Protein backbone atom coordinates (compact mmCIF):
# COMPACT_ATOMS: atom_id res chain seq x y z
CA MET A 1 0.00 0.00 0.00
CA THR A 2 1.09 3.54 -0.74
CA SER A 3 2.30 5.55 2.24
CA PHE A 4 0.72 9.00 2.23
CA THR A 5 1.94 12.24 3.73
CA ASP A 6 0.20 15.59 3.74
CA THR A 7 0.46 17.53 0.48
CA PHE A 8 -0.29 21.23 0.12
CA ILE A 9 -0.84 22.94 -3.23
CA ARG A 10 -1.30 26.66 -3.76
CA ALA A 11 -3.18 27.53 -6.96
CA GLU A 12 -6.42 28.92 -8.32
CA LEU A 13 -9.19 26.41 -7.49
CA VAL A 14 -12.50 25.89 -9.31
CA SER A 15 -15.19 23.36 -8.40
CA PHE A 16 -18.96 23.07 -8.72
CA ALA A 17 -21.11 22.24 -5.70
CA ARG A 18 -24.28 21.94 -7.82
CA ASP A 19 -25.71 22.55 -11.28
CA PRO A 20 -24.87 26.15 -12.28
CA GLY A 21 -27.95 26.54 -14.51
CA GLU A 22 -28.19 27.39 -18.18
CA ASP A 23 -27.45 31.13 -18.03
CA ASN A 24 -24.02 32.49 -18.84
CA MET A 25 -23.60 33.33 -15.17
CA PRO A 26 -23.59 30.47 -12.63
CA GLN A 27 -26.40 30.19 -10.11
CA PRO A 28 -25.48 31.51 -6.64
CA SER A 29 -23.62 29.01 -4.46
CA SER A 30 -23.11 26.59 -7.37
CA LEU A 31 -19.48 27.61 -7.91
CA GLU A 32 -16.57 27.29 -5.49
CA HIS A 33 -13.77 29.57 -6.70
CA TYR A 34 -10.59 30.55 -4.87
CA GLY A 35 -8.37 32.87 -6.90
CA ASP A 36 -5.49 32.21 -4.51
CA GLY A 37 -6.45 28.89 -2.98
CA LEU A 38 -4.93 26.08 -0.98
CA LEU A 39 -5.66 22.39 -1.51
CA TRP A 40 -4.71 20.19 1.45
CA ILE A 41 -4.41 16.46 0.69
CA LYS A 42 -4.09 13.76 3.34
CA ASP A 43 -4.22 9.97 2.97
CA GLY A 44 -5.52 10.14 -0.60
CA HIS A 45 -8.40 12.46 0.27
CA ILE A 46 -8.96 16.19 0.43
CA GLN A 47 -8.47 17.39 3.99
CA ALA A 48 -9.32 21.06 3.39
CA VAL A 49 -9.83 23.54 0.58
CA GLY A 50 -10.13 27.30 0.76
CA HIS A 51 -8.41 30.65 0.48
CA TYR A 52 -4.66 30.40 0.98
CA ALA A 53 -4.68 33.31 3.45
CA ASP A 54 -7.33 31.58 5.58
CA LEU A 55 -5.71 28.13 5.68
CA ILE A 56 -1.99 28.85 5.83
CA SER A 57 -2.03 29.29 9.61
CA GLU A 58 -3.59 25.82 10.05
CA LEU A 59 -0.77 23.98 8.29
CA PRO A 60 1.67 21.95 10.38
CA THR A 61 4.95 23.67 11.17
CA ASP A 62 7.56 23.57 8.40
CA SER A 63 5.02 22.38 5.80
CA GLN A 64 6.23 22.55 2.19
CA VAL A 65 3.69 24.11 -0.14
CA LEU A 66 3.76 23.37 -3.87
CA ASP A 67 3.41 26.77 -5.52
CA TYR A 68 1.27 26.43 -8.64
CA ARG A 69 0.14 30.02 -8.87
CA GLY A 70 -0.73 30.85 -12.46
CA LYS A 71 -2.30 27.42 -12.87
CA LEU A 72 -5.88 26.28 -12.34
CA ILE A 73 -6.94 23.19 -10.40
CA MET A 74 -10.27 21.47 -11.08
CA PRO A 75 -11.67 18.05 -10.14
CA GLY A 76 -10.48 15.26 -12.39
CA PHE A 77 -12.50 14.86 -15.58
CA ILE A 78 -14.97 11.97 -15.80
CA ASP A 79 -15.78 10.09 -19.03
CA THR A 80 -19.06 8.17 -18.89
CA HIS A 81 -18.70 6.11 -22.07
CA VAL A 82 -15.47 4.93 -23.68
CA HIS A 83 -14.12 1.73 -25.31
CA TYR A 84 -10.52 1.13 -24.25
CA VAL A 85 -10.29 -1.74 -26.73
CA GLN A 86 -10.83 0.71 -29.61
CA LEU A 87 -7.87 2.97 -28.88
CA ASP A 88 -5.94 1.75 -31.91
CA ILE A 89 -8.77 2.34 -34.40
CA MET A 90 -9.29 6.00 -33.57
CA ALA A 91 -9.23 8.15 -36.72
CA SER A 92 -10.07 5.28 -39.05
CA TYR A 93 -11.87 6.60 -42.13
CA GLY A 94 -15.40 7.47 -41.06
CA ARG A 95 -18.37 5.30 -41.94
CA GLN A 96 -21.87 5.02 -40.53
CA LEU A 97 -22.31 3.11 -37.27
CA LEU A 98 -23.08 -0.39 -38.54
CA ASP A 99 -20.30 -0.25 -41.15
CA TRP A 100 -17.93 1.02 -38.46
CA LEU A 101 -18.70 -2.00 -36.28
CA ASN A 102 -18.17 -4.53 -39.04
CA ASP A 103 -15.17 -2.92 -40.73
CA TYR A 104 -13.18 -1.71 -37.73
CA THR A 105 -14.59 -2.54 -34.30
CA PHE A 106 -15.18 -6.28 -34.54
CA PRO A 107 -11.84 -7.11 -36.21
CA GLU A 108 -9.97 -4.98 -33.67
CA GLU A 109 -11.72 -6.50 -30.66
CA CYS A 110 -10.80 -10.00 -31.81
CA ARG A 111 -7.20 -9.15 -30.87
CA PHE A 112 -8.15 -9.03 -27.17
CA ALA A 113 -8.30 -12.81 -26.94
CA ASN A 114 -4.57 -12.39 -26.43
CA HIS A 115 -4.03 -11.45 -22.79
CA ALA A 116 -0.66 -9.81 -23.40
CA HIS A 117 -2.31 -7.53 -25.95
CA ALA A 118 -5.06 -6.65 -23.47
CA GLU A 119 -2.47 -5.81 -20.82
CA ALA A 120 -0.47 -3.60 -23.19
CA LEU A 121 -3.55 -1.71 -24.40
CA SER A 122 -4.89 -1.30 -20.86
CA ASN A 123 -1.76 0.51 -19.80
CA ALA A 124 -1.50 2.51 -23.01
CA PHE A 125 -5.11 3.63 -22.65
CA LEU A 126 -4.67 4.65 -19.01
CA ASP A 127 -1.53 6.60 -19.90
CA GLU A 128 -3.47 8.53 -22.54
CA MET A 129 -6.47 9.02 -20.30
CA LEU A 130 -4.39 10.50 -17.49
CA ARG A 131 -2.50 12.64 -19.99
CA ALA A 132 -5.87 14.09 -20.96
CA GLY A 133 -6.85 14.83 -17.35
CA THR A 134 -9.45 12.06 -17.01
CA THR A 135 -9.33 10.29 -13.65
CA THR A 136 -12.55 8.23 -13.78
CA ALA A 137 -14.32 6.55 -16.68
CA GLN A 138 -17.00 3.99 -17.45
CA VAL A 139 -15.28 1.63 -19.85
CA PHE A 140 -16.20 -1.12 -22.30
CA GLY A 141 -13.85 -4.07 -22.58
CA SER A 142 -14.22 -6.64 -25.36
CA SER A 143 -16.29 -9.81 -25.07
CA HIS A 144 -13.21 -11.62 -23.72
CA PRO A 145 -13.22 -11.76 -19.90
CA GLY A 146 -9.43 -11.45 -19.95
CA SER A 147 -9.76 -7.97 -21.44
CA VAL A 148 -11.55 -6.88 -18.27
CA ASP A 149 -9.16 -8.69 -15.92
CA ALA A 150 -6.27 -6.91 -17.62
CA PHE A 151 -7.93 -3.51 -17.40
CA PHE A 152 -9.00 -3.87 -13.77
CA THR A 153 -5.50 -5.03 -12.86
CA ALA A 154 -3.95 -1.97 -14.49
CA CYS A 155 -6.44 0.32 -12.73
CA GLN A 156 -5.87 -1.36 -9.38
CA LYS A 157 -2.10 -0.83 -9.63
CA ARG A 158 -2.72 2.90 -10.17
CA GLN A 159 -5.46 3.01 -7.52
CA LEU A 160 -7.97 4.60 -9.90
CA ARG A 161 -11.72 4.89 -9.46
CA MET A 162 -13.03 3.12 -12.56
CA LEU A 163 -16.13 1.31 -13.84
CA VAL A 164 -15.53 -1.47 -16.38
CA GLY A 165 -17.47 -4.30 -17.98
CA LYS A 166 -17.10 -7.25 -20.33
CA VAL A 167 -19.17 -6.90 -23.50
CA LEU A 168 -22.08 -9.35 -23.65
CA MET A 169 -22.73 -10.41 -27.24
CA ASP A 170 -24.26 -13.72 -28.30
CA ARG A 171 -25.51 -13.02 -31.84
CA ASN A 172 -25.01 -10.92 -34.97
CA ALA A 173 -21.24 -10.74 -34.56
CA PRO A 174 -18.17 -12.73 -35.66
CA ASP A 175 -17.92 -16.17 -34.06
CA ALA A 176 -14.66 -15.16 -32.38
CA LEU A 177 -16.46 -12.45 -30.40
CA MET A 178 -19.73 -14.13 -29.44
CA ASP A 179 -19.82 -15.37 -25.85
CA GLY A 180 -22.80 -17.75 -26.10
CA THR A 181 -23.79 -19.43 -22.87
CA SER A 182 -20.55 -18.41 -21.10
CA GLY A 183 -21.13 -14.66 -21.23
CA ILE A 184 -23.23 -14.38 -18.07
CA ALA A 185 -21.10 -16.88 -16.14
CA ASP A 186 -17.95 -14.92 -17.08
CA THR A 187 -19.66 -11.72 -15.96
CA GLU A 188 -20.61 -13.24 -12.62
CA ARG A 189 -17.00 -14.31 -12.07
CA LEU A 190 -15.69 -10.84 -12.95
CA ILE A 191 -18.17 -9.22 -10.56
CA GLU A 192 -17.05 -11.55 -7.78
CA ASP A 193 -13.37 -10.82 -8.45
CA TRP A 194 -13.48 -7.07 -8.97
CA HIS A 195 -16.70 -5.27 -8.05
CA GLY A 196 -16.25 -3.05 -5.00
CA LYS A 197 -12.56 -3.88 -4.65
CA GLN A 198 -10.67 -0.71 -3.68
CA ARG A 199 -11.95 1.96 -6.09
CA LEU A 200 -13.30 -0.38 -8.77
CA GLY A 201 -16.85 -1.05 -9.87
CA TYR A 202 -18.49 -3.35 -12.39
CA SER A 203 -20.77 -2.24 -15.23
CA VAL A 204 -22.90 -4.98 -16.77
CA THR A 205 -22.32 -4.43 -20.50
CA PRO A 206 -24.56 -5.77 -23.26
CA ARG A 207 -23.09 -4.07 -26.36
CA PHE A 208 -26.53 -3.14 -27.67
CA ALA A 209 -29.83 -4.87 -28.29
CA PRO A 210 -29.03 -6.24 -31.79
CA THR A 211 -26.06 -8.30 -30.54
CA SER A 212 -27.74 -9.86 -27.50
CA THR A 213 -30.59 -12.35 -27.48
CA LYS A 214 -33.55 -11.73 -25.23
CA THR A 215 -32.29 -14.57 -23.04
CA GLN A 216 -28.94 -12.86 -22.53
CA MET A 217 -30.48 -9.46 -21.81
CA ASP A 218 -32.94 -10.97 -19.33
CA ALA A 219 -30.03 -12.63 -17.54
CA ALA A 220 -28.19 -9.29 -17.45
CA GLY A 221 -31.27 -7.74 -15.87
CA ALA A 222 -31.31 -10.47 -13.24
CA LEU A 223 -27.73 -9.58 -12.29
CA LEU A 224 -28.81 -5.98 -11.68
CA ARG A 225 -31.82 -7.03 -9.62
CA ASN A 226 -29.65 -9.31 -7.47
CA ASP A 227 -27.08 -6.57 -6.80
CA PRO A 228 -28.32 -2.96 -7.04
CA THR A 229 -24.76 -1.66 -6.51
CA LEU A 230 -23.83 -2.74 -10.05
CA TRP A 231 -23.87 -0.37 -13.00
CA LEU A 232 -25.26 -0.91 -16.52
CA GLN A 233 -23.84 0.46 -19.76
CA THR A 234 -25.00 -0.06 -23.33
CA HIS A 235 -26.02 1.86 -26.46
CA LEU A 236 -29.38 3.34 -27.46
CA ALA A 237 -30.75 5.14 -30.51
CA GLU A 238 -27.45 6.23 -32.02
CA ASN A 239 -28.20 5.73 -35.71
CA SER A 240 -31.36 5.59 -37.81
CA GLY A 241 -30.29 2.31 -39.44
CA GLU A 242 -29.79 0.87 -35.95
CA LEU A 243 -33.37 1.80 -35.04
CA ASP A 244 -34.71 -0.02 -38.09
CA TRP A 245 -32.65 -3.10 -37.20
CA VAL A 246 -33.94 -3.16 -33.62
CA ALA A 247 -37.54 -2.84 -34.84
CA GLU A 248 -36.96 -5.83 -37.11
CA LEU A 249 -35.32 -7.93 -34.38
CA PHE A 250 -37.86 -7.06 -31.67
CA PRO A 251 -41.23 -6.72 -33.45
CA GLY A 252 -43.13 -7.11 -30.19
CA SER A 253 -41.52 -4.07 -28.54
CA ARG A 254 -43.13 -0.66 -28.93
CA ASP A 255 -39.76 1.10 -29.29
CA TYR A 256 -36.02 0.65 -28.79
CA LEU A 257 -36.05 1.67 -25.13
CA SER A 258 -38.77 -0.83 -24.26
CA VAL A 259 -36.42 -3.66 -25.30
CA TYR A 260 -34.17 -2.66 -22.40
CA GLU A 261 -37.08 -1.94 -20.07
CA GLN A 262 -38.52 -5.41 -20.58
CA ALA A 263 -35.16 -6.91 -19.62
CA GLY A 264 -34.91 -4.82 -16.44
CA LEU A 265 -31.91 -2.83 -17.64
CA VAL A 266 -33.20 0.71 -17.07
CA GLY A 267 -32.45 2.15 -13.64
CA PRO A 268 -30.61 4.86 -11.72
CA ARG A 269 -27.19 3.33 -12.45
CA SER A 270 -27.85 2.80 -16.17
CA THR A 271 -25.96 4.72 -18.85
CA PHE A 272 -27.20 4.59 -22.43
CA ALA A 273 -24.74 5.97 -24.93
CA HIS A 274 -25.94 8.47 -27.54
CA GLY A 275 -29.75 8.73 -27.30
CA ILE A 276 -29.93 10.90 -30.41
CA HIS A 277 -33.08 9.47 -31.96
CA LEU A 278 -35.44 9.52 -28.98
CA ASP A 279 -38.92 10.97 -28.65
CA ASN A 280 -40.06 12.83 -25.54
CA GLY A 281 -41.97 9.82 -24.28
CA MET A 282 -38.76 7.79 -24.21
CA ARG A 283 -36.89 10.66 -22.58
CA LYS A 284 -39.53 10.90 -19.84
CA ARG A 285 -39.36 7.16 -19.20
CA LEU A 286 -35.58 7.39 -18.83
CA ALA A 287 -36.04 10.34 -16.46
CA GLU A 288 -38.58 8.46 -14.34
CA ARG A 289 -36.14 5.60 -13.86
CA GLY A 290 -33.16 7.85 -13.16
CA ALA A 291 -31.08 6.62 -16.12
CA ASN A 292 -28.72 8.88 -18.05
CA ILE A 293 -27.78 9.33 -21.69
CA ALA A 294 -24.07 9.65 -22.43
CA PHE A 295 -23.77 12.53 -24.91
CA CYS A 296 -20.82 11.66 -27.19
CA PRO A 297 -20.53 14.72 -29.45
CA SER A 298 -17.27 14.04 -31.29
CA SER A 299 -18.34 10.46 -32.06
CA ASN A 300 -21.79 11.56 -33.22
CA LEU A 301 -20.23 14.10 -35.58
CA PHE A 302 -17.56 11.68 -36.81
CA LEU A 303 -20.03 8.92 -37.70
CA GLY A 304 -22.69 11.37 -38.90
CA SER A 305 -25.17 9.89 -36.44
CA GLY A 306 -27.02 13.11 -35.61
CA LEU A 307 -27.17 15.98 -33.12
CA PHE A 308 -28.07 15.32 -29.49
CA ASP A 309 -30.94 17.50 -28.23
CA ARG A 310 -29.88 18.88 -24.82
CA GLU A 311 -32.91 21.16 -24.63
CA ALA A 312 -35.33 18.25 -24.99
CA ALA A 313 -33.38 16.37 -22.31
CA GLN A 314 -33.70 19.30 -19.92
CA GLU A 315 -37.40 19.82 -20.63
CA THR A 316 -38.20 16.18 -19.91
CA GLY A 317 -35.90 15.93 -16.88
CA MET A 318 -33.69 13.30 -18.52
CA ALA A 319 -30.15 13.23 -17.16
CA TYR A 320 -27.29 13.36 -19.62
CA THR A 321 -23.54 13.13 -19.26
CA TYR A 322 -20.48 13.91 -21.38
CA ALA A 323 -18.36 11.19 -22.95
CA SER A 324 -15.58 10.67 -25.49
CA ASP A 325 -16.77 7.36 -27.01
CA ILE A 326 -13.29 6.41 -28.14
CA GLY A 327 -12.68 4.91 -30.74
CA ALA A 328 -15.39 6.59 -32.90
CA GLY A 329 -14.81 9.68 -30.79
CA THR A 330 -11.95 11.81 -32.01
CA ASP A 331 -10.47 13.05 -28.73
CA LEU A 332 -9.79 11.52 -25.31
CA SER A 333 -9.54 15.03 -23.87
CA GLY A 334 -12.48 16.41 -21.91
CA PHE A 335 -11.68 19.76 -23.48
CA GLY A 336 -12.23 18.19 -26.90
CA THR A 337 -15.52 16.65 -25.80
CA LEU A 338 -16.81 20.01 -24.57
CA LYS A 339 -15.64 21.77 -27.74
CA SER A 340 -17.62 19.30 -29.86
CA ALA A 341 -20.61 19.60 -27.51
CA TYR A 342 -20.58 23.35 -27.99
CA GLN A 343 -20.51 22.92 -31.77
CA VAL A 344 -23.40 20.43 -31.69
CA GLY A 345 -25.29 22.89 -29.49
CA GLN A 346 -24.68 25.74 -31.91
CA LEU A 347 -26.12 23.71 -34.78
CA ARG A 348 -29.23 23.09 -32.67
CA GLY A 349 -29.47 26.64 -31.36
CA GLN A 350 -28.50 25.39 -27.89
CA PRO A 351 -25.04 26.83 -27.16
CA LEU A 352 -23.22 25.24 -24.23
CA THR A 353 -21.80 27.55 -21.57
CA ALA A 354 -18.43 26.89 -19.97
CA TRP A 355 -20.20 26.66 -16.61
CA GLN A 356 -22.44 23.84 -17.83
CA GLY A 357 -19.60 22.14 -19.65
CA PHE A 358 -17.13 21.92 -16.78
CA TYR A 359 -19.86 21.17 -14.24
CA GLY A 360 -20.97 18.29 -16.47
CA LEU A 361 -17.47 16.96 -16.97
CA THR A 362 -16.88 16.83 -13.19
CA HIS A 363 -19.68 16.93 -10.62
CA GLY A 364 -22.47 16.36 -13.13
CA ASN A 365 -20.96 13.17 -14.53
CA ALA A 366 -20.14 11.95 -11.02
CA LYS A 367 -23.72 12.53 -9.89
CA ALA A 368 -25.21 10.68 -12.86
CA LEU A 369 -22.94 7.70 -12.13
CA SER A 370 -23.81 7.73 -8.39
CA LEU A 371 -20.18 8.55 -7.61
CA ASP A 372 -20.78 12.08 -6.33
CA ASN A 373 -20.03 11.10 -2.73
CA HIS A 374 -16.50 10.17 -3.81
CA VAL A 375 -15.32 12.29 -6.75
CA GLY A 376 -16.31 15.28 -8.84
CA GLN A 377 -15.65 18.12 -6.37
CA LEU A 378 -12.79 19.79 -4.56
CA ALA A 379 -14.25 19.42 -1.08
CA PRO A 380 -13.23 17.93 2.28
CA SER A 381 -13.46 14.10 2.48
CA TYR A 382 -13.58 13.72 -1.31
CA GLU A 383 -10.99 11.53 -2.99
CA ALA A 384 -8.05 13.60 -4.21
CA ASP A 385 -8.62 13.24 -7.94
CA PHE A 386 -7.87 16.51 -9.73
CA VAL A 387 -6.16 18.14 -12.68
CA VAL A 388 -3.66 21.00 -12.71
CA ILE A 389 -4.39 23.06 -15.82
CA ASP A 390 -1.87 25.40 -17.43
CA PRO A 391 -3.71 28.27 -19.19
CA GLN A 392 -0.44 29.24 -20.87
CA ALA A 393 0.38 25.79 -22.21
CA THR A 394 0.49 26.95 -25.84
CA SER A 395 1.33 30.32 -27.32
CA LEU A 396 -2.19 30.69 -28.69
CA LEU A 397 -3.85 29.74 -25.41
CA LYS A 398 -1.56 32.16 -23.57
CA ARG A 399 -2.46 35.01 -25.94
CA ARG A 400 -6.18 34.31 -25.62
CA THR A 401 -6.31 33.90 -21.84
CA GLN A 402 -4.25 37.05 -21.30
CA HIS A 403 -7.11 38.96 -22.90
CA CYS A 404 -9.74 37.37 -20.64
CA THR A 405 -11.06 39.55 -17.83
CA THR A 406 -13.38 37.06 -16.10
CA LEU A 407 -13.26 33.44 -14.97
CA GLY A 408 -16.08 32.62 -17.36
CA GLU A 409 -14.09 33.91 -20.33
CA ARG A 410 -11.02 31.90 -19.30
CA LEU A 411 -13.02 28.70 -18.86
CA PHE A 412 -14.65 29.14 -22.25
CA ALA A 413 -11.27 29.75 -23.88
CA LEU A 414 -9.99 26.52 -22.29
CA MET A 415 -13.08 24.68 -23.50
CA MET A 416 -12.44 25.74 -27.07
CA LEU A 417 -8.64 25.95 -27.36
CA ALA A 418 -7.10 23.60 -24.77
CA ASP A 419 -5.95 20.02 -25.31
CA ASP A 420 -3.76 17.55 -23.42
CA ARG A 421 -0.87 20.03 -23.50
CA ALA A 422 -2.84 22.16 -21.04
CA ILE A 423 -2.87 19.32 -18.48
CA TYR A 424 0.21 20.11 -16.39
CA GLU A 425 -0.47 17.33 -13.89
CA THR A 426 -3.14 14.72 -13.21
CA TRP A 427 -3.60 13.48 -9.63
CA ALA A 428 -5.62 10.40 -8.69
CA GLY A 429 -5.97 8.90 -5.25
CA GLY A 430 -3.79 11.66 -3.80
CA ARG A 431 -0.82 10.88 -6.05
CA CYS A 432 0.51 12.69 -9.11
CA GLN A 433 0.05 10.10 -11.86
CA HIS A 434 0.88 12.23 -14.88
CA ARG A 435 3.17 15.22 -15.31
CA ARG A 436 3.52 16.95 -18.64
CA ASP A 437 6.86 16.28 -20.33
């Protein structure tokens, strides 16, 4: 086990205590901002946070303070939907969803039958994720249980808070990827081995309705009923061709969502990626059950799937989160996700504010995943997962932020211009796990 000592960091601190609202000024008391702040870390958790002048007298004698003035500290970014096994097919020539699966995804995922390959990709993915400032994610493995063992092992060594699941897929896929009758048994074994161990959690993971039989989805629902601490992740209403396929495969279901409802897969710990082609009735049903849609803007643009309707989500009370959806997504960086989300919003007449964006990427995503008692804020007792952002990381970013007169302007400039070069350090579990070269 890692031996912790107190760590003190002086920097500008920004965190959201609650939803800041849709206006271009945050709602009162939603924002915690310390222009000259102090972050006190003890035993992997945040001991105290506040103004440097108020806390300095409380520090133990002869304490060494890391001076990061000129930099900005925020909670670590959270990615609610990402495929680690697709890292190596990022930026493959774009096709529509179903072509993408057959041409790129399925052949690539076949490689994860090799455990050494799964181990290598797990570590490569985590390196890239931490480089981008992401400290927690909800992750798809492949249909091979070893792909999840490898990923959990890599996360455990780094003491990360992560949700992961083995893909369940027993039809409409290459023989090498279908798990048949072993899929649920493998999932049960993975849950027993990993769920709730240290900072790890298990997400039951049917890829999407077309690649699982009703029998398999019903069994996945039984797992959730037997253990309500589990999570669920899958895909929903990403592509119009996908909707037609689901209607053909499930003629007795009134719509795509009802396929999952009938299997008992829709609940407060359920994340459905995309949700572009939903009607308000489906959105309201998701809201009633406390499920969330993972908004994956760069992936949706890349595959030409459509434009997510944030306004309809808000009007119906449906929760939504922000996600990269690597490998169809084009950027592991939370900055890149928010930039694409802003562009999608502009095309819909629903521009995204920096307040909403960074709240969503931190506290909002944590809340939707039922992790908001652990991560997502800079607050006492929270796990010390945070990013140190350098607003002068590039010459262009430096020029732009020097002309900003308010915090809101600086955050928006970061949202649009920053990338992994702006991540000076990434801390997880109270330890610095990435430092910019």
